[in-house]
């Protein structure tokens, strides 16, 4: 016959007959066999390890506005490596023109912003000359961007080696063929506008 009061020390051998009612406190050891009846409340932690799928590349969806290439810095960080006259945006996920410059789609580069002269002269001259001349002559409002080849730049040629503006012009017999083959490439014409004859 079972006792009315639980013992302080558990027995060494479990009883053959289950008790009529469940225990009030959970056991300290999990059972070897799962129960047939579902619990009333969900588990606080998953019973199976969570498999985390391989994450996407940090460069997924980063276009750099077509003005550079995305580089993976770490598993979660990417940044644009900007071409030519472009710089990183604040978040480094885009290539933009620096302050004081604007993008020219013809050349696919950033150029200094120039102010245009007035369209027509003023209707009447000034009433009187100034009392004293200015201290130094004023500079022209036009800031002309020089059209020059980037002599430090290189690009990949068809055989996997690197080429440059100087390489295109190096061999007189192959010069026309190289211009025809490589100058249509955006990176080459931006790097070698003089060599490619665009300015």
N, C-alpha and C. Protein backbone atom coordinates (compact mmCIF):
# COMPACT_ATOMS: atom_id res chain seq x y z
N UNK A 1 0.84 -1.15 0.00
CA UNK A 1 0.00 0.00 0.00
C UNK A 1 0.90 1.24 0.00
N UNK A 2 0.55 2.26 -0.83
CA UNK A 2 1.40 3.47 -0.89
C UNK A 2 1.24 4.30 0.37
N UNK A 3 2.31 5.02 0.66
CA UNK A 3 2.27 5.89 1.84
C UNK A 3 1.52 7.17 1.50
N UNK A 4 1.00 7.86 2.52
CA UNK A 4 0.27 9.11 2.33
C UNK A 4 1.21 10.30 2.20
N UNK A 5 2.42 10.15 2.65
CA UNK A 5 3.41 11.24 2.62
C UNK A 5 4.56 10.80 1.74
N UNK A 6 5.01 11.67 0.83
CA UNK A 6 6.14 11.26 -0.01
C UNK A 6 7.42 11.14 0.80
N UNK A 7 8.29 10.26 0.34
CA UNK A 7 9.55 10.08 1.04
C UNK A 7 10.52 11.18 0.66
N UNK A 8 11.52 11.42 1.50
CA UNK A 8 12.52 12.46 1.23
C UNK A 8 13.55 11.99 0.20
N UNK A 9 13.76 10.72 0.13
CA UNK A 9 14.75 10.16 -0.78
C UNK A 9 14.02 9.29 -1.79
N UNK A 10 14.30 9.47 -3.09
CA UNK A 10 13.61 8.62 -4.07
C UNK A 10 14.05 7.18 -3.94
N UNK A 11 13.17 6.28 -4.36
CA UNK A 11 13.51 4.85 -4.30
C UNK A 11 14.52 4.52 -5.40
N UNK A 12 15.25 3.43 -5.18
CA UNK A 12 16.26 3.01 -6.15
C UNK A 12 15.63 2.41 -7.39
N UNK A 13 14.49 1.80 -7.21
CA UNK A 13 13.83 1.11 -8.32
C UNK A 13 12.47 1.74 -8.54
N UNK A 14 12.12 2.11 -9.80
CA UNK A 14 10.79 2.68 -10.03
C UNK A 14 9.72 1.64 -9.77
N UNK A 15 8.52 2.12 -9.44
CA UNK A 15 7.41 1.19 -9.18
C UNK A 15 6.90 0.62 -10.50
N UNK A 16 6.29 -0.56 -10.41
CA UNK A 16 5.76 -1.21 -11.61
C UNK A 16 4.43 -0.60 -12.03
N UNK A 17 3.72 -0.04 -11.09
CA UNK A 17 2.38 0.48 -11.35
C UNK A 17 2.46 2.01 -11.35
N UNK A 18 1.95 2.66 -12.40
CA UNK A 18 2.00 4.14 -12.40
C UNK A 18 1.06 4.70 -11.35
N UNK A 19 1.35 5.93 -10.94
CA UNK A 19 0.48 6.57 -9.95
C UNK A 19 -0.83 7.00 -10.60
N UNK A 20 -1.86 7.20 -9.76
CA UNK A 20 -3.19 7.56 -10.26
C UNK A 20 -3.23 9.01 -10.79
N UNK A 21 -2.40 9.86 -10.24
CA UNK A 21 -2.39 11.27 -10.65
C UNK A 21 -0.97 11.69 -11.00
N UNK A 22 -0.85 12.67 -11.90
CA UNK A 22 0.52 13.14 -12.24
C UNK A 22 1.14 13.87 -11.06
N UNK A 23 2.48 13.91 -11.04
CA UNK A 23 3.16 14.61 -9.96
C UNK A 23 2.95 16.11 -10.12
N UNK A 24 3.03 16.82 -8.99
CA UNK A 24 2.81 18.26 -9.01
C UNK A 24 4.03 19.02 -9.53
N UNK A 25 5.19 18.47 -9.34
CA UNK A 25 6.42 19.13 -9.81
C UNK A 25 7.06 18.31 -10.93
N UNK A 26 7.67 18.95 -11.87
CA UNK A 26 8.34 18.19 -12.93
C UNK A 26 9.55 17.46 -12.40
N UNK A 27 9.89 16.37 -13.04
CA UNK A 27 11.07 15.62 -12.62
C UNK A 27 12.31 16.36 -13.08
N UNK A 28 13.42 16.11 -12.42
CA UNK A 28 14.66 16.78 -12.77
C UNK A 28 15.32 16.15 -13.98
N UNK A 29 14.97 14.94 -14.31
CA UNK A 29 15.55 14.24 -15.46
C UNK A 29 14.48 14.03 -16.52
N UNK A 30 14.80 14.23 -17.80
CA UNK A 30 13.79 13.96 -18.83
C UNK A 30 13.56 12.46 -18.95
N UNK A 31 12.37 12.11 -19.41
CA UNK A 31 12.05 10.68 -19.58
C UNK A 31 12.74 10.15 -20.83
N UNK A 32 12.95 8.84 -20.86
CA UNK A 32 13.61 8.21 -22.01
C UNK A 32 12.66 8.09 -23.20
N UNK A 33 11.40 7.95 -22.90
CA UNK A 33 10.41 7.73 -23.96
C UNK A 33 9.48 8.94 -23.99
N UNK A 34 9.20 9.53 -25.16
CA UNK A 34 8.28 10.67 -25.20
C UNK A 34 6.88 10.25 -24.83
N UNK A 35 6.11 11.20 -24.30
CA UNK A 35 4.72 10.89 -23.93
C UNK A 35 3.84 10.83 -25.17
N UNK A 36 2.72 10.11 -25.05
CA UNK A 36 1.79 9.98 -26.17
C UNK A 36 0.84 11.17 -26.24
N UNK A 37 0.72 11.90 -25.17
CA UNK A 37 -0.23 13.00 -25.10
C UNK A 37 0.54 14.31 -25.26
N UNK A 38 0.08 15.21 -26.14
CA UNK A 38 0.78 16.50 -26.28
C UNK A 38 0.62 17.35 -25.03
N UNK A 39 1.59 18.23 -24.81
CA UNK A 39 1.53 19.10 -23.63
C UNK A 39 0.53 20.22 -23.88
N UNK A 40 0.08 20.84 -22.78
CA UNK A 40 -0.89 21.93 -22.87
C UNK A 40 -0.25 23.23 -23.35
N UNK A 41 1.05 23.38 -23.12
CA UNK A 41 1.74 24.62 -23.49
C UNK A 41 2.91 24.31 -24.42
N UNK A 42 3.22 25.24 -25.34
CA UNK A 42 4.37 25.00 -26.23
C UNK A 42 5.69 25.08 -25.47
N UNK A 43 6.70 24.44 -26.04
CA UNK A 43 8.04 24.47 -25.45
C UNK A 43 8.60 25.88 -25.57
N UNK A 44 9.48 26.23 -24.64
CA UNK A 44 10.12 27.54 -24.71
C UNK A 44 11.28 27.55 -25.69
N UNK A 45 11.87 26.41 -25.95
CA UNK A 45 12.99 26.31 -26.87
C UNK A 45 12.70 25.23 -27.89
N UNK A 46 13.25 25.36 -29.11
CA UNK A 46 13.01 24.30 -30.11
C UNK A 46 13.65 22.99 -29.68
N UNK A 47 13.03 21.89 -30.04
CA UNK A 47 13.56 20.58 -29.68
C UNK A 47 14.58 20.10 -30.70
N UNK A 48 14.60 20.70 -31.87
CA UNK A 48 15.55 20.31 -32.91
C UNK A 48 16.45 21.51 -33.18
N UNK A 49 17.72 21.29 -33.45
CA UNK A 49 18.57 22.46 -33.74
C UNK A 49 18.06 23.21 -34.96
N UNK A 50 18.12 24.55 -34.92
CA UNK A 50 17.68 25.38 -36.04
C UNK A 50 18.80 25.43 -37.06
N UNK A 51 18.47 25.11 -38.29
CA UNK A 51 19.46 25.16 -39.36
C UNK A 51 19.36 26.52 -40.02
N UNK A 52 20.44 27.27 -39.97
CA UNK A 52 20.46 28.59 -40.57
C UNK A 52 20.99 28.43 -41.99
N UNK A 53 20.18 28.87 -42.94
CA UNK A 53 20.58 28.76 -44.34
C UNK A 53 21.74 29.71 -44.60
N UNK A 54 22.53 29.37 -45.62
CA UNK A 54 23.65 30.23 -46.00
C UNK A 54 23.10 31.60 -46.38
N UNK A 55 23.71 32.64 -45.85
CA UNK A 55 23.21 33.98 -46.12
C UNK A 55 23.62 34.43 -47.52
N UNK A 56 22.91 35.45 -47.98
CA UNK A 56 23.22 36.02 -49.29
C UNK A 56 24.51 36.82 -49.19
N UNK A 57 25.10 37.10 -50.33
CA UNK A 57 26.30 37.92 -50.36
C UNK A 57 25.93 39.35 -49.99
N UNK A 58 26.80 40.06 -49.25
CA UNK A 58 26.50 41.45 -48.93
C UNK A 58 26.41 42.33 -50.17
N UNK A 59 26.93 41.86 -51.31
CA UNK A 59 26.88 42.63 -52.55
C UNK A 59 25.56 42.44 -53.32
N UNK A 60 24.71 41.49 -52.88
CA UNK A 60 23.43 41.28 -53.57
C UNK A 60 22.62 42.57 -53.53
N UNK A 61 22.22 43.06 -54.69
CA UNK A 61 21.40 44.26 -54.78
C UNK A 61 22.19 45.56 -54.76
N UNK A 62 23.51 45.51 -54.68
CA UNK A 62 24.34 46.73 -54.69
C UNK A 62 24.86 46.91 -56.11
N UNK A 63 24.42 47.98 -56.79
CA UNK A 63 24.80 48.19 -58.19
C UNK A 63 25.92 49.20 -58.35
N UNK A 64 26.16 50.01 -57.35
CA UNK A 64 27.14 51.10 -57.41
C UNK A 64 26.80 52.07 -58.54
N UNK A 65 25.54 52.10 -58.96
CA UNK A 65 25.03 52.95 -60.05
C UNK A 65 25.77 52.71 -61.35
N UNK A 66 26.37 51.55 -61.51
CA UNK A 66 27.10 51.24 -62.73
C UNK A 66 28.40 52.03 -62.86
N UNK A 67 28.84 52.65 -61.76
CA UNK A 67 30.04 53.50 -61.80
C UNK A 67 31.17 52.90 -60.98
N UNK A 68 31.04 51.62 -60.68
CA UNK A 68 32.05 50.92 -59.89
C UNK A 68 31.61 49.49 -59.67
N UNK A 69 32.37 48.75 -58.88
CA UNK A 69 32.06 47.36 -58.60
C UNK A 69 31.96 47.16 -57.09
N UNK A 70 31.04 46.29 -56.69
CA UNK A 70 30.85 46.00 -55.27
C UNK A 70 31.93 45.02 -54.81
N UNK A 71 32.52 45.30 -53.66
CA UNK A 71 33.52 44.43 -53.06
C UNK A 71 33.02 43.96 -51.70
N UNK A 72 33.21 42.67 -51.40
CA UNK A 72 32.84 42.13 -50.09
C UNK A 72 33.99 42.42 -49.14
N UNK A 73 33.69 43.13 -48.06
CA UNK A 73 34.69 43.48 -47.05
C UNK A 73 34.71 42.41 -45.96
N UNK A 74 33.53 41.94 -45.56
CA UNK A 74 33.41 40.85 -44.59
C UNK A 74 32.12 40.10 -44.91
N UNK A 75 31.74 39.14 -44.07
CA UNK A 75 30.54 38.34 -44.34
C UNK A 75 29.28 39.18 -44.41
N UNK A 76 29.28 40.33 -43.75
CA UNK A 76 28.08 41.16 -43.72
C UNK A 76 28.28 42.57 -44.27
N UNK A 77 29.50 42.91 -44.68
CA UNK A 77 29.79 44.28 -45.12
C UNK A 77 30.30 44.29 -46.54
N UNK A 78 29.74 45.22 -47.34
CA UNK A 78 30.19 45.42 -48.71
C UNK A 78 30.39 46.91 -48.93
N UNK A 79 31.19 47.25 -49.95
CA UNK A 79 31.32 48.65 -50.34
C UNK A 79 31.66 48.71 -51.82
N UNK A 80 31.36 49.86 -52.44
CA UNK A 80 31.64 50.05 -53.85
C UNK A 80 33.08 50.49 -54.05
N UNK A 81 33.73 49.91 -55.04
CA UNK A 81 35.04 50.38 -55.47
C UNK A 81 34.74 51.23 -56.69
N UNK A 82 34.80 52.54 -56.53
CA UNK A 82 34.34 53.48 -57.55
C UNK A 82 35.41 53.71 -58.62
N UNK A 83 34.93 53.93 -59.85
CA UNK A 83 35.82 54.16 -60.99
C UNK A 83 36.05 55.65 -61.22
N UNK A 84 37.10 55.94 -61.96
CA UNK A 84 37.38 57.28 -62.49
C UNK A 84 37.23 58.38 -61.46
N UNK A 85 36.31 59.31 -61.74
CA UNK A 85 36.18 60.53 -60.95
C UNK A 85 35.13 60.42 -59.86
N UNK A 86 34.60 59.23 -59.58
CA UNK A 86 33.53 59.05 -58.60
C UNK A 86 34.10 58.78 -57.20
N UNK A 87 33.27 59.06 -56.20
CA UNK A 87 33.62 58.76 -54.81
C UNK A 87 32.49 57.95 -54.18
N UNK A 88 32.76 57.36 -53.01
CA UNK A 88 31.72 56.61 -52.28
C UNK A 88 30.65 57.55 -51.75
N UNK A 89 29.43 57.06 -51.69
CA UNK A 89 28.39 57.74 -50.93
C UNK A 89 28.70 57.52 -49.45
N UNK A 90 27.96 58.19 -48.56
CA UNK A 90 28.22 58.06 -47.12
C UNK A 90 28.14 56.62 -46.64
N UNK A 91 27.19 55.84 -47.19
CA UNK A 91 27.06 54.45 -46.76
C UNK A 91 27.98 53.50 -47.54
N UNK A 92 28.75 54.03 -48.48
CA UNK A 92 29.73 53.31 -49.30
C UNK A 92 29.09 52.26 -50.22
N UNK A 93 27.76 52.38 -50.45
CA UNK A 93 27.06 51.42 -51.29
C UNK A 93 26.65 52.03 -52.62
N UNK A 94 27.24 53.18 -52.97
CA UNK A 94 26.95 53.83 -54.24
C UNK A 94 28.15 54.66 -54.64
N UNK A 95 28.28 54.95 -55.93
CA UNK A 95 29.34 55.81 -56.43
C UNK A 95 28.70 57.09 -56.93
N UNK A 96 29.16 58.22 -56.41
CA UNK A 96 28.57 59.50 -56.73
C UNK A 96 29.65 60.49 -57.15
N UNK A 97 29.22 61.61 -57.72
CA UNK A 97 30.16 62.69 -58.06
C UNK A 97 30.48 63.48 -56.79
N UNK A 98 31.74 63.92 -56.65
CA UNK A 98 32.09 64.72 -55.47
C UNK A 98 31.35 66.05 -55.48
N UNK A 99 31.29 66.70 -54.35
CA UNK A 99 30.67 68.01 -54.23
C UNK A 99 31.37 68.98 -55.18
N UNK A 100 30.59 69.82 -55.84
CA UNK A 100 31.16 70.80 -56.77
C UNK A 100 31.36 70.25 -58.17
N UNK A 101 30.93 69.00 -58.38
CA UNK A 101 31.03 68.41 -59.72
C UNK A 101 29.67 67.84 -60.11
N UNK A 102 29.52 67.55 -61.38
CA UNK A 102 28.29 66.89 -61.81
C UNK A 102 28.62 65.87 -62.88
N UNK A 103 27.73 64.90 -63.02
CA UNK A 103 27.92 63.78 -63.95
C UNK A 103 27.61 64.23 -65.37
N UNK A 104 28.51 63.94 -66.31
CA UNK A 104 28.29 64.21 -67.72
C UNK A 104 28.10 62.87 -68.41
N UNK A 105 26.87 62.56 -68.88
CA UNK A 105 26.61 61.25 -69.47
C UNK A 105 27.38 60.98 -70.76
N UNK A 106 27.79 62.06 -71.46
CA UNK A 106 28.56 61.84 -72.70
C UNK A 106 29.90 61.18 -72.40
N UNK A 107 30.53 61.61 -71.32
CA UNK A 107 31.85 61.10 -70.97
C UNK A 107 31.80 60.08 -69.86
N UNK A 108 30.64 59.97 -69.20
CA UNK A 108 30.46 59.05 -68.07
C UNK A 108 31.48 59.33 -66.97
N UNK A 109 31.65 60.63 -66.70
CA UNK A 109 32.58 61.09 -65.67
C UNK A 109 32.00 62.29 -64.95
N UNK A 110 32.60 62.65 -63.82
CA UNK A 110 32.21 63.86 -63.09
C UNK A 110 33.12 65.00 -63.52
N UNK A 111 32.52 66.15 -63.79
CA UNK A 111 33.28 67.33 -64.18
C UNK A 111 32.92 68.48 -63.26
N UNK A 112 33.85 69.43 -63.13
CA UNK A 112 33.60 70.62 -62.32
C UNK A 112 32.40 71.36 -62.87
N UNK A 113 31.61 71.91 -61.96
CA UNK A 113 30.44 72.69 -62.37
C UNK A 113 30.92 74.06 -62.80
N UNK A 114 30.50 74.50 -63.98
CA UNK A 114 30.88 75.82 -64.48
C UNK A 114 29.66 76.71 -64.49
N UNK A 115 29.89 77.99 -64.33
CA UNK A 115 28.78 78.94 -64.44
C UNK A 115 28.79 79.48 -65.85
N UNK A 116 27.65 79.62 -66.44
CA UNK A 116 27.54 80.10 -67.81
C UNK A 116 27.55 81.62 -67.83
N UNK A 117 28.11 82.21 -68.90
CA UNK A 117 28.05 83.67 -69.01
C UNK A 117 26.60 84.08 -69.31
N UNK A 118 26.31 85.38 -69.16
CA UNK A 118 24.97 85.85 -69.47
C UNK A 118 24.71 85.66 -70.95
N UNK A 119 23.45 85.47 -71.31
CA UNK A 119 23.11 85.19 -72.71
C UNK A 119 23.32 86.42 -73.59
N UNK A 120 23.08 87.59 -73.08
CA UNK A 120 23.27 88.81 -73.88
C UNK A 120 23.84 89.90 -72.99
N UNK A 121 24.48 90.91 -73.60
CA UNK A 121 25.05 91.97 -72.77
C UNK A 121 23.94 92.77 -72.08
N UNK A 122 24.33 93.50 -71.05
CA UNK A 122 23.35 94.34 -70.36
C UNK A 122 22.88 95.44 -71.31
N UNK A 123 21.70 96.01 -71.04
CA UNK A 123 21.11 97.01 -71.94
C UNK A 123 21.85 98.33 -71.89
N UNK A 124 22.34 98.72 -70.72
CA UNK A 124 23.03 100.01 -70.64
C UNK A 124 24.31 99.85 -69.85
N UNK A 125 25.31 100.66 -70.15
CA UNK A 125 26.57 100.56 -69.41
C UNK A 125 26.39 101.10 -67.99
N UNK A 126 27.37 100.82 -67.15
CA UNK A 126 27.33 101.36 -65.80
C UNK A 126 27.47 102.87 -65.87
N UNK A 127 26.96 103.58 -64.86
CA UNK A 127 26.96 105.04 -64.88
C UNK A 127 28.36 105.64 -64.75
N UNK A 128 29.15 105.09 -63.90
CA UNK A 128 30.49 105.64 -63.70
C UNK A 128 31.44 104.51 -63.37
N UNK A 129 32.70 104.71 -63.69
CA UNK A 129 33.66 103.66 -63.33
C UNK A 129 33.82 103.59 -61.82
N UNK A 130 34.33 102.46 -61.37
CA UNK A 130 34.56 102.31 -59.94
C UNK A 130 35.68 103.24 -59.51
N UNK A 131 35.71 103.62 -58.20
CA UNK A 131 36.70 104.58 -57.71
C UNK A 131 38.11 104.01 -57.74
N UNK A 132 38.24 102.73 -57.42
CA UNK A 132 39.58 102.13 -57.44
C UNK A 132 39.49 100.76 -58.10
N UNK A 133 40.55 100.38 -58.77
CA UNK A 133 40.50 99.07 -59.44
C UNK A 133 40.52 97.93 -58.42
N UNK A 134 40.07 96.78 -58.85
CA UNK A 134 40.12 95.61 -57.97
C UNK A 134 41.57 95.23 -57.73
N UNK A 135 41.82 94.56 -56.63
CA UNK A 135 43.20 94.26 -56.27
C UNK A 135 43.84 93.23 -57.20
N UNK A 136 43.08 92.28 -57.65
CA UNK A 136 43.64 91.26 -58.55
C UNK A 136 42.60 90.97 -59.63
N UNK A 137 43.07 90.60 -60.81
CA UNK A 137 42.08 90.29 -61.85
C UNK A 137 41.25 89.07 -61.44
N UNK A 138 39.99 89.08 -61.83
CA UNK A 138 39.12 87.94 -61.52
C UNK A 138 39.42 86.80 -62.47
N UNK A 139 39.23 85.62 -61.96
CA UNK A 139 39.45 84.42 -62.78
C UNK A 139 38.23 84.17 -63.65
N UNK A 140 38.43 83.47 -64.70
CA UNK A 140 37.33 83.10 -65.59
C UNK A 140 36.35 82.22 -64.83
N UNK A 141 35.04 82.41 -65.07
CA UNK A 141 34.07 81.55 -64.38
C UNK A 141 34.08 80.12 -64.92
N UNK A 142 34.75 79.91 -66.02
CA UNK A 142 34.78 78.57 -66.61
C UNK A 142 35.95 77.79 -66.05
N UNK A 143 35.65 76.62 -65.58
CA UNK A 143 36.70 75.70 -65.13
C UNK A 143 36.67 74.56 -66.12
N UNK A 144 37.61 74.61 -67.01
CA UNK A 144 37.59 73.58 -68.04
C UNK A 144 38.27 72.33 -67.54
N UNK A 145 37.59 71.24 -67.71
CA UNK A 145 38.14 69.94 -67.31
C UNK A 145 39.11 69.52 -68.41
N UNK A 146 40.37 69.30 -68.07
CA UNK A 146 41.29 68.90 -69.11
C UNK A 146 40.95 67.51 -69.65
N UNK A 147 41.12 67.38 -70.93
CA UNK A 147 40.89 66.08 -71.55
C UNK A 147 42.25 65.40 -71.66
N UNK A 148 42.52 64.51 -70.74
CA UNK A 148 43.81 63.83 -70.70
C UNK A 148 43.61 62.35 -70.45
N UNK A 149 44.56 61.58 -70.93
CA UNK A 149 44.55 60.14 -70.66
C UNK A 149 45.03 59.90 -69.23
N UNK A 150 44.45 58.91 -68.58
CA UNK A 150 44.88 58.49 -67.25
C UNK A 150 46.04 57.51 -67.46
N UNK A 151 47.25 58.02 -67.35
CA UNK A 151 48.43 57.20 -67.66
C UNK A 151 48.72 56.15 -66.59
N UNK A 152 48.09 56.26 -65.43
CA UNK A 152 48.32 55.25 -64.38
C UNK A 152 47.27 54.14 -64.45
N UNK A 153 46.20 54.34 -65.22
CA UNK A 153 45.13 53.35 -65.28
C UNK A 153 45.46 52.17 -66.17
N UNK A 154 44.88 51.02 -65.85
CA UNK A 154 45.04 49.82 -66.67
C UNK A 154 43.70 49.14 -66.85
N UNK A 155 43.62 48.29 -67.86
CA UNK A 155 42.42 47.50 -68.11
C UNK A 155 42.87 46.12 -68.59
N UNK A 156 41.96 45.17 -68.54
CA UNK A 156 42.29 43.80 -68.93
C UNK A 156 42.05 43.62 -70.42
N UNK A 157 43.07 43.10 -71.11
CA UNK A 157 42.92 42.83 -72.55
C UNK A 157 42.49 41.38 -72.73
N UNK A 158 42.14 41.02 -73.97
CA UNK A 158 41.53 39.72 -74.23
C UNK A 158 42.34 38.51 -73.77
N UNK A 159 43.66 38.60 -73.76
CA UNK A 159 44.47 37.46 -73.35
C UNK A 159 44.69 37.38 -71.84
N UNK A 160 44.04 38.30 -71.08
CA UNK A 160 44.15 38.28 -69.63
C UNK A 160 45.22 39.20 -69.08
N UNK A 161 46.11 39.70 -69.92
CA UNK A 161 47.13 40.65 -69.48
C UNK A 161 46.50 42.03 -69.31
N UNK A 162 47.31 42.98 -68.83
CA UNK A 162 46.78 44.33 -68.66
C UNK A 162 47.25 45.23 -69.79
N UNK A 163 46.37 46.15 -70.16
CA UNK A 163 46.69 47.14 -71.18
C UNK A 163 46.54 48.53 -70.58
N UNK A 164 47.02 49.53 -71.28
CA UNK A 164 46.93 50.92 -70.83
C UNK A 164 46.80 51.80 -72.06
N UNK A 165 46.61 53.10 -71.84
CA UNK A 165 46.54 54.04 -72.96
C UNK A 165 47.85 53.99 -73.76
N UNK A 166 48.94 53.92 -73.04
CA UNK A 166 50.26 53.86 -73.69
C UNK A 166 50.38 52.57 -74.52
N UNK A 167 49.86 51.46 -74.03
CA UNK A 167 49.92 50.18 -74.74
C UNK A 167 49.14 50.23 -76.05
N UNK A 168 47.99 50.93 -76.05
CA UNK A 168 47.19 51.04 -77.29
C UNK A 168 48.02 51.71 -78.38
N UNK A 169 48.79 52.73 -78.02
CA UNK A 169 49.57 53.49 -79.00
C UNK A 169 50.96 52.92 -79.26
N UNK A 170 51.41 51.99 -78.46
CA UNK A 170 52.79 51.50 -78.48
C UNK A 170 53.23 50.97 -79.84
N UNK A 171 52.48 50.09 -80.43
CA UNK A 171 52.86 49.44 -81.70
C UNK A 171 52.11 50.12 -82.85
N UNK A 172 52.84 50.83 -83.71
CA UNK A 172 52.22 51.60 -84.80
C UNK A 172 51.42 50.70 -85.74
N UNK A 173 51.88 49.49 -85.97
CA UNK A 173 51.19 48.58 -86.88
C UNK A 173 49.87 48.09 -86.29
N UNK A 174 49.80 47.97 -84.97
CA UNK A 174 48.59 47.45 -84.31
C UNK A 174 47.71 48.55 -83.69
N UNK A 175 48.15 49.78 -83.77
CA UNK A 175 47.45 50.90 -83.12
C UNK A 175 45.99 51.00 -83.56
N UNK A 176 45.72 51.02 -84.84
CA UNK A 176 44.34 51.16 -85.34
C UNK A 176 43.47 49.98 -84.89
N UNK A 177 44.03 48.78 -84.96
CA UNK A 177 43.28 47.58 -84.55
C UNK A 177 42.96 47.63 -83.06
N UNK A 178 43.92 48.06 -82.24
CA UNK A 178 43.70 48.13 -80.80
C UNK A 178 42.64 49.19 -80.45
N UNK A 179 42.72 50.34 -81.13
CA UNK A 179 41.71 51.38 -80.89
C UNK A 179 40.32 50.86 -81.25
N UNK A 180 40.22 50.21 -82.39
CA UNK A 180 38.93 49.67 -82.85
C UNK A 180 38.39 48.63 -81.87
N UNK A 181 39.28 47.82 -81.33
CA UNK A 181 38.88 46.73 -80.45
C UNK A 181 38.58 47.18 -79.02
N UNK A 182 39.40 48.07 -78.45
CA UNK A 182 39.30 48.39 -77.03
C UNK A 182 38.62 49.73 -76.72
N UNK A 183 38.69 50.73 -77.61
CA UNK A 183 38.08 52.03 -77.31
C UNK A 183 36.56 51.99 -77.16
N UNK A 184 35.83 51.05 -77.78
CA UNK A 184 34.38 51.00 -77.51
C UNK A 184 34.04 50.58 -76.08
N UNK A 185 34.98 50.01 -75.35
CA UNK A 185 34.74 49.63 -73.95
C UNK A 185 34.67 50.89 -73.10
N UNK A 186 33.66 50.96 -72.25
CA UNK A 186 33.42 52.14 -71.42
C UNK A 186 34.63 52.48 -70.55
N UNK A 187 35.20 51.46 -69.89
CA UNK A 187 36.33 51.74 -69.00
C UNK A 187 37.54 52.26 -69.76
N UNK A 188 37.72 51.82 -71.01
CA UNK A 188 38.88 52.24 -71.80
C UNK A 188 38.69 53.67 -72.31
N UNK A 189 37.53 53.98 -72.88
CA UNK A 189 37.31 55.33 -73.41
C UNK A 189 37.31 56.36 -72.29
N UNK A 190 36.84 56.00 -71.09
CA UNK A 190 36.89 56.92 -69.95
C UNK A 190 38.32 57.15 -69.47
N UNK A 191 39.13 56.10 -69.54
CA UNK A 191 40.51 56.18 -69.11
C UNK A 191 41.40 56.85 -70.16
N UNK A 192 41.09 56.64 -71.45
CA UNK A 192 41.96 57.08 -72.55
C UNK A 192 41.20 57.94 -73.56
N UNK A 193 40.57 59.06 -73.15
CA UNK A 193 39.77 59.83 -74.11
C UNK A 193 40.60 60.42 -75.25
N UNK A 194 41.84 60.83 -74.97
CA UNK A 194 42.70 61.39 -76.03
C UNK A 194 43.12 60.29 -77.00
N UNK A 195 43.59 59.18 -76.47
CA UNK A 195 44.01 58.04 -77.29
C UNK A 195 42.86 57.54 -78.16
N UNK A 196 41.65 57.50 -77.60
CA UNK A 196 40.48 57.00 -78.33
C UNK A 196 39.85 58.08 -79.22
N UNK A 197 40.38 59.30 -79.16
CA UNK A 197 39.93 60.35 -80.07
C UNK A 197 38.57 60.95 -79.75
N UNK A 198 38.18 60.95 -78.48
CA UNK A 198 36.88 61.55 -78.13
C UNK A 198 36.98 63.00 -77.70
N UNK A 199 38.19 63.49 -77.55
CA UNK A 199 38.36 64.93 -77.23
C UNK A 199 39.71 65.40 -77.74
